[in-house]
């Protein structure tokens, strides 16, 4: 077999594998009770990402009173 024929045969095998995986997913959905209509709706809709609002107000400075700067060491000590 030439390299091109091998690549074509491999592409056909991959296409067949994808079809069978799709069939298996549909079968599992039906066995779980979702039914074909529910699985089709699930495939077409992806859940909307949950948005988190971050306020523009500054943080309370008391939160940082005992903290050290990461990677820079403590304020009252010098690096070795």
N, C-alpha and C. Protein backbone atom coordinates (compact mmCIF):
# COMPACT_ATOMS: atom_id res chain seq x y z
N UNK A 1 0.83 -1.18 0.00
CA UNK A 1 0.00 0.00 0.00
C UNK A 1 0.88 1.24 0.00
N UNK A 2 0.45 2.22 -0.74
CA UNK A 2 1.18 3.47 -0.74
C UNK A 2 0.79 4.29 0.50
N UNK A 3 1.56 5.30 0.75
CA UNK A 3 1.29 6.14 1.92
C UNK A 3 -0.07 6.83 1.80
N UNK A 4 -0.41 7.28 0.61
CA UNK A 4 -1.69 7.95 0.39
C UNK A 4 -2.85 6.99 0.63
N UNK A 5 -2.72 5.74 0.18
CA UNK A 5 -3.78 4.75 0.39
C UNK A 5 -3.94 4.45 1.88
N UNK A 6 -2.82 4.39 2.59
CA UNK A 6 -2.88 4.14 4.04
C UNK A 6 -3.57 5.30 4.75
N UNK A 7 -3.26 6.53 4.36
CA UNK A 7 -3.91 7.68 4.97
C UNK A 7 -5.40 7.70 4.69
N UNK A 8 -5.78 7.34 3.47
CA UNK A 8 -7.20 7.30 3.12
C UNK A 8 -7.92 6.22 3.93
N UNK A 9 -7.30 5.05 4.06
CA UNK A 9 -7.90 3.97 4.85
C UNK A 9 -8.03 4.39 6.31
N UNK A 10 -7.02 5.08 6.83
CA UNK A 10 -7.07 5.52 8.22
C UNK A 10 -8.18 6.56 8.42
N UNK A 11 -8.36 7.44 7.45
CA UNK A 11 -9.43 8.45 7.55
C UNK A 11 -10.80 7.78 7.56
N UNK A 12 -10.98 6.74 6.74
CA UNK A 12 -12.25 6.01 6.72
C UNK A 12 -12.50 5.34 8.07
N UNK A 13 -11.45 4.77 8.64
CA UNK A 13 -11.59 4.12 9.96
C UNK A 13 -11.95 5.14 11.04
N UNK A 14 -11.33 6.31 10.99
CA UNK A 14 -11.65 7.35 11.97
C UNK A 14 -13.08 7.84 11.83
N UNK A 15 -13.53 8.00 10.59
CA UNK A 15 -14.92 8.41 10.36
C UNK A 15 -15.89 7.37 10.91
N UNK A 16 -15.57 6.09 10.68
CA UNK A 16 -16.41 5.01 11.19
C UNK A 16 -16.41 5.01 12.71
N UNK A 17 -15.26 5.25 13.32
CA UNK A 17 -15.16 5.30 14.78
C UNK A 17 -16.01 6.44 15.34
N UNK A 18 -15.96 7.60 14.71
CA UNK A 18 -16.76 8.73 15.17
C UNK A 18 -18.26 8.44 15.07
N UNK A 19 -18.67 7.77 14.01
CA UNK A 19 -20.08 7.40 13.87
C UNK A 19 -20.50 6.45 14.98
N UNK A 20 -19.66 5.47 15.26
CA UNK A 20 -20.01 4.49 16.29
C UNK A 20 -20.03 5.11 17.68
N UNK A 21 -19.13 6.03 17.95
CA UNK A 21 -19.14 6.71 19.25
C UNK A 21 -20.42 7.54 19.39
N UNK A 22 -20.83 8.20 18.31
CA UNK A 22 -22.08 8.95 18.35
C UNK A 22 -23.28 8.05 18.61
N UNK A 23 -23.29 6.89 17.96
CA UNK A 23 -24.38 5.93 18.19
C UNK A 23 -24.37 5.45 19.64
N UNK A 24 -23.18 5.18 20.16
CA UNK A 24 -23.06 4.73 21.55
C UNK A 24 -23.55 5.80 22.52
N UNK A 25 -23.21 7.06 22.27
CA UNK A 25 -23.68 8.14 23.14
C UNK A 25 -25.20 8.25 23.11
N UNK A 26 -25.78 8.13 21.93
CA UNK A 26 -27.25 8.19 21.84
C UNK A 26 -27.89 7.02 22.56
N UNK A 27 -27.30 5.84 22.44
CA UNK A 27 -27.85 4.66 23.12
C UNK A 27 -27.78 4.83 24.63
N UNK A 28 -26.66 5.33 25.12
CA UNK A 28 -26.51 5.54 26.57
C UNK A 28 -27.53 6.55 27.06
N UNK A 29 -27.72 7.64 26.31
CA UNK A 29 -28.72 8.64 26.70
C UNK A 29 -30.11 8.04 26.76
N UNK A 30 -30.45 7.20 25.80
CA UNK A 30 -31.78 6.58 25.79
C UNK A 30 -31.93 5.61 26.94
N UNK A 31 -30.87 4.86 27.27
CA UNK A 31 -30.93 3.92 28.38
C UNK A 31 -31.05 4.64 29.72
N UNK A 32 -30.51 5.82 29.81
CA UNK A 32 -30.61 6.60 31.05
C UNK A 32 -31.97 7.27 31.19
N UNK A 33 -32.78 7.20 30.16
CA UNK A 33 -34.11 7.77 30.24
C UNK A 33 -34.22 9.15 29.63
N UNK A 34 -33.16 9.64 29.05
CA UNK A 34 -33.21 10.98 28.47
C UNK A 34 -34.03 10.98 27.19
N UNK A 35 -34.01 9.90 26.46
CA UNK A 35 -34.74 9.83 25.20
C UNK A 35 -34.03 10.58 24.10
N UNK A 36 -34.38 10.31 22.86
CA UNK A 36 -33.70 10.95 21.74
C UNK A 36 -33.96 12.45 21.64
N UNK A 37 -35.13 12.91 22.03
CA UNK A 37 -35.44 14.34 21.94
C UNK A 37 -34.60 15.14 22.93
N UNK A 38 -34.44 14.61 24.13
CA UNK A 38 -33.66 15.32 25.14
C UNK A 38 -32.18 15.36 24.79
N UNK A 39 -31.66 14.28 24.21
CA UNK A 39 -30.25 14.28 23.85
C UNK A 39 -29.97 15.23 22.70
N UNK A 40 -30.91 15.38 21.77
CA UNK A 40 -30.73 16.31 20.66
C UNK A 40 -30.75 17.75 21.17
N UNK A 41 -31.60 18.02 22.14
CA UNK A 41 -31.67 19.37 22.70
C UNK A 41 -30.41 19.69 23.49
N UNK A 42 -29.85 18.69 24.17
CA UNK A 42 -28.65 18.90 24.95
C UNK A 42 -27.45 19.17 24.05
N UNK A 43 -27.41 18.52 22.90
CA UNK A 43 -26.28 18.71 21.99
C UNK A 43 -26.31 20.10 21.36
N UNK A 44 -27.50 20.64 21.12
CA UNK A 44 -27.59 21.92 20.43
C UNK A 44 -27.41 23.11 21.37
N UNK A 45 -27.73 22.96 22.65
CA UNK A 45 -27.62 24.06 23.59
C UNK A 45 -26.50 23.78 24.58
N UNK A 46 -25.62 24.76 24.74
CA UNK A 46 -24.61 24.66 25.78
C UNK A 46 -25.03 25.60 26.90
N UNK A 47 -24.74 25.21 28.14
CA UNK A 47 -25.19 26.06 29.25
C UNK A 47 -24.48 27.41 29.20
N UNK A 48 -25.23 28.45 29.55
CA UNK A 48 -24.68 29.80 29.55
C UNK A 48 -23.72 29.93 30.73
N UNK A 49 -22.57 30.55 30.52
CA UNK A 49 -21.63 30.71 31.64
C UNK A 49 -22.19 31.65 32.69
N UNK A 50 -21.91 31.34 33.93
CA UNK A 50 -22.40 32.16 35.03
C UNK A 50 -21.51 33.40 35.15
N UNK A 51 -22.10 34.58 35.12
CA UNK A 51 -21.36 35.82 35.20
C UNK A 51 -21.20 36.25 36.65
N UNK A 52 -20.01 36.72 36.98
CA UNK A 52 -19.72 37.20 38.32
C UNK A 52 -19.39 38.68 38.23
N UNK A 53 -20.08 39.50 39.00
CA UNK A 53 -19.83 40.93 39.00
C UNK A 53 -18.76 41.26 40.02
N UNK A 54 -17.73 41.97 39.58
CA UNK A 54 -16.65 42.37 40.47
C UNK A 54 -16.80 43.86 40.72
N UNK A 55 -16.94 44.26 41.98
CA UNK A 55 -17.16 45.68 42.27
C UNK A 55 -15.89 46.51 42.02
N UNK A 56 -16.08 47.80 41.71
CA UNK A 56 -14.97 48.70 41.47
C UNK A 56 -14.42 49.32 42.75
N UNK A 57 -15.10 49.10 43.85
CA UNK A 57 -14.66 49.69 45.11
C UNK A 57 -13.38 49.01 45.58
N UNK A 58 -12.47 49.76 46.22
CA UNK A 58 -11.22 49.16 46.70
C UNK A 58 -11.48 48.25 47.90
N UNK A 59 -10.59 47.29 48.07
CA UNK A 59 -10.70 46.37 49.20
C UNK A 59 -10.36 47.11 50.50
N UNK A 60 -10.85 46.59 51.59
CA UNK A 60 -10.54 47.14 52.91
C UNK A 60 -9.05 46.91 53.17
N UNK A 61 -8.32 47.96 53.49
CA UNK A 61 -6.87 47.83 53.71
C UNK A 61 -6.54 46.97 54.93
N UNK A 62 -7.49 46.77 55.84
CA UNK A 62 -7.25 45.92 57.00
C UNK A 62 -7.03 44.46 56.61
N UNK A 63 -7.48 44.10 55.44
CA UNK A 63 -7.27 42.73 54.98
C UNK A 63 -5.80 42.43 54.75
N UNK A 64 -4.99 43.44 54.50
CA UNK A 64 -3.60 43.25 54.09
C UNK A 64 -2.60 43.64 55.17
N UNK A 65 -3.04 43.94 56.38
CA UNK A 65 -2.12 44.46 57.39
C UNK A 65 -1.02 43.46 57.78
N UNK A 66 -1.31 42.19 57.90
CA UNK A 66 -0.32 41.21 58.34
C UNK A 66 0.23 40.38 57.18
N UNK A 67 -0.02 40.78 55.97
CA UNK A 67 0.43 39.98 54.84
C UNK A 67 1.81 40.41 54.36
N UNK A 68 2.52 39.47 53.78
CA UNK A 68 3.82 39.75 53.16
C UNK A 68 3.62 39.80 51.65
N UNK A 69 4.47 40.52 50.96
CA UNK A 69 4.42 40.52 49.50
C UNK A 69 4.96 39.18 49.01
N UNK A 70 4.16 38.48 48.24
CA UNK A 70 4.57 37.16 47.78
C UNK A 70 5.83 37.26 46.93
N UNK A 71 6.80 36.44 47.27
CA UNK A 71 8.02 36.40 46.49
C UNK A 71 9.01 37.49 46.84
N UNK A 72 8.60 38.48 47.62
CA UNK A 72 9.50 39.57 47.97
C UNK A 72 9.95 39.50 49.42
N UNK A 73 9.36 38.62 50.20
CA UNK A 73 9.74 38.49 51.60
C UNK A 73 8.98 39.44 52.49
N UNK A 74 9.31 39.41 53.75
CA UNK A 74 8.63 40.25 54.73
C UNK A 74 9.15 41.68 54.62
N UNK A 75 8.33 42.63 55.04
CA UNK A 75 8.70 44.05 54.92
C UNK A 75 9.85 44.44 55.85
N UNK A 76 9.92 43.81 57.01
CA UNK A 76 10.93 44.21 57.98
C UNK A 76 12.23 43.42 57.88
N UNK A 77 12.35 42.52 56.91
CA UNK A 77 13.56 41.72 56.73
C UNK A 77 14.11 41.92 55.34
N UNK A 78 15.37 41.63 55.19
CA UNK A 78 16.04 41.74 53.88
C UNK A 78 16.30 40.34 53.35
N UNK A 79 16.36 40.22 52.06
CA UNK A 79 16.68 38.93 51.44
C UNK A 79 18.12 38.54 51.75
N UNK A 80 18.42 37.28 51.89
CA UNK A 80 19.80 36.86 52.22
C UNK A 80 20.79 37.20 51.14
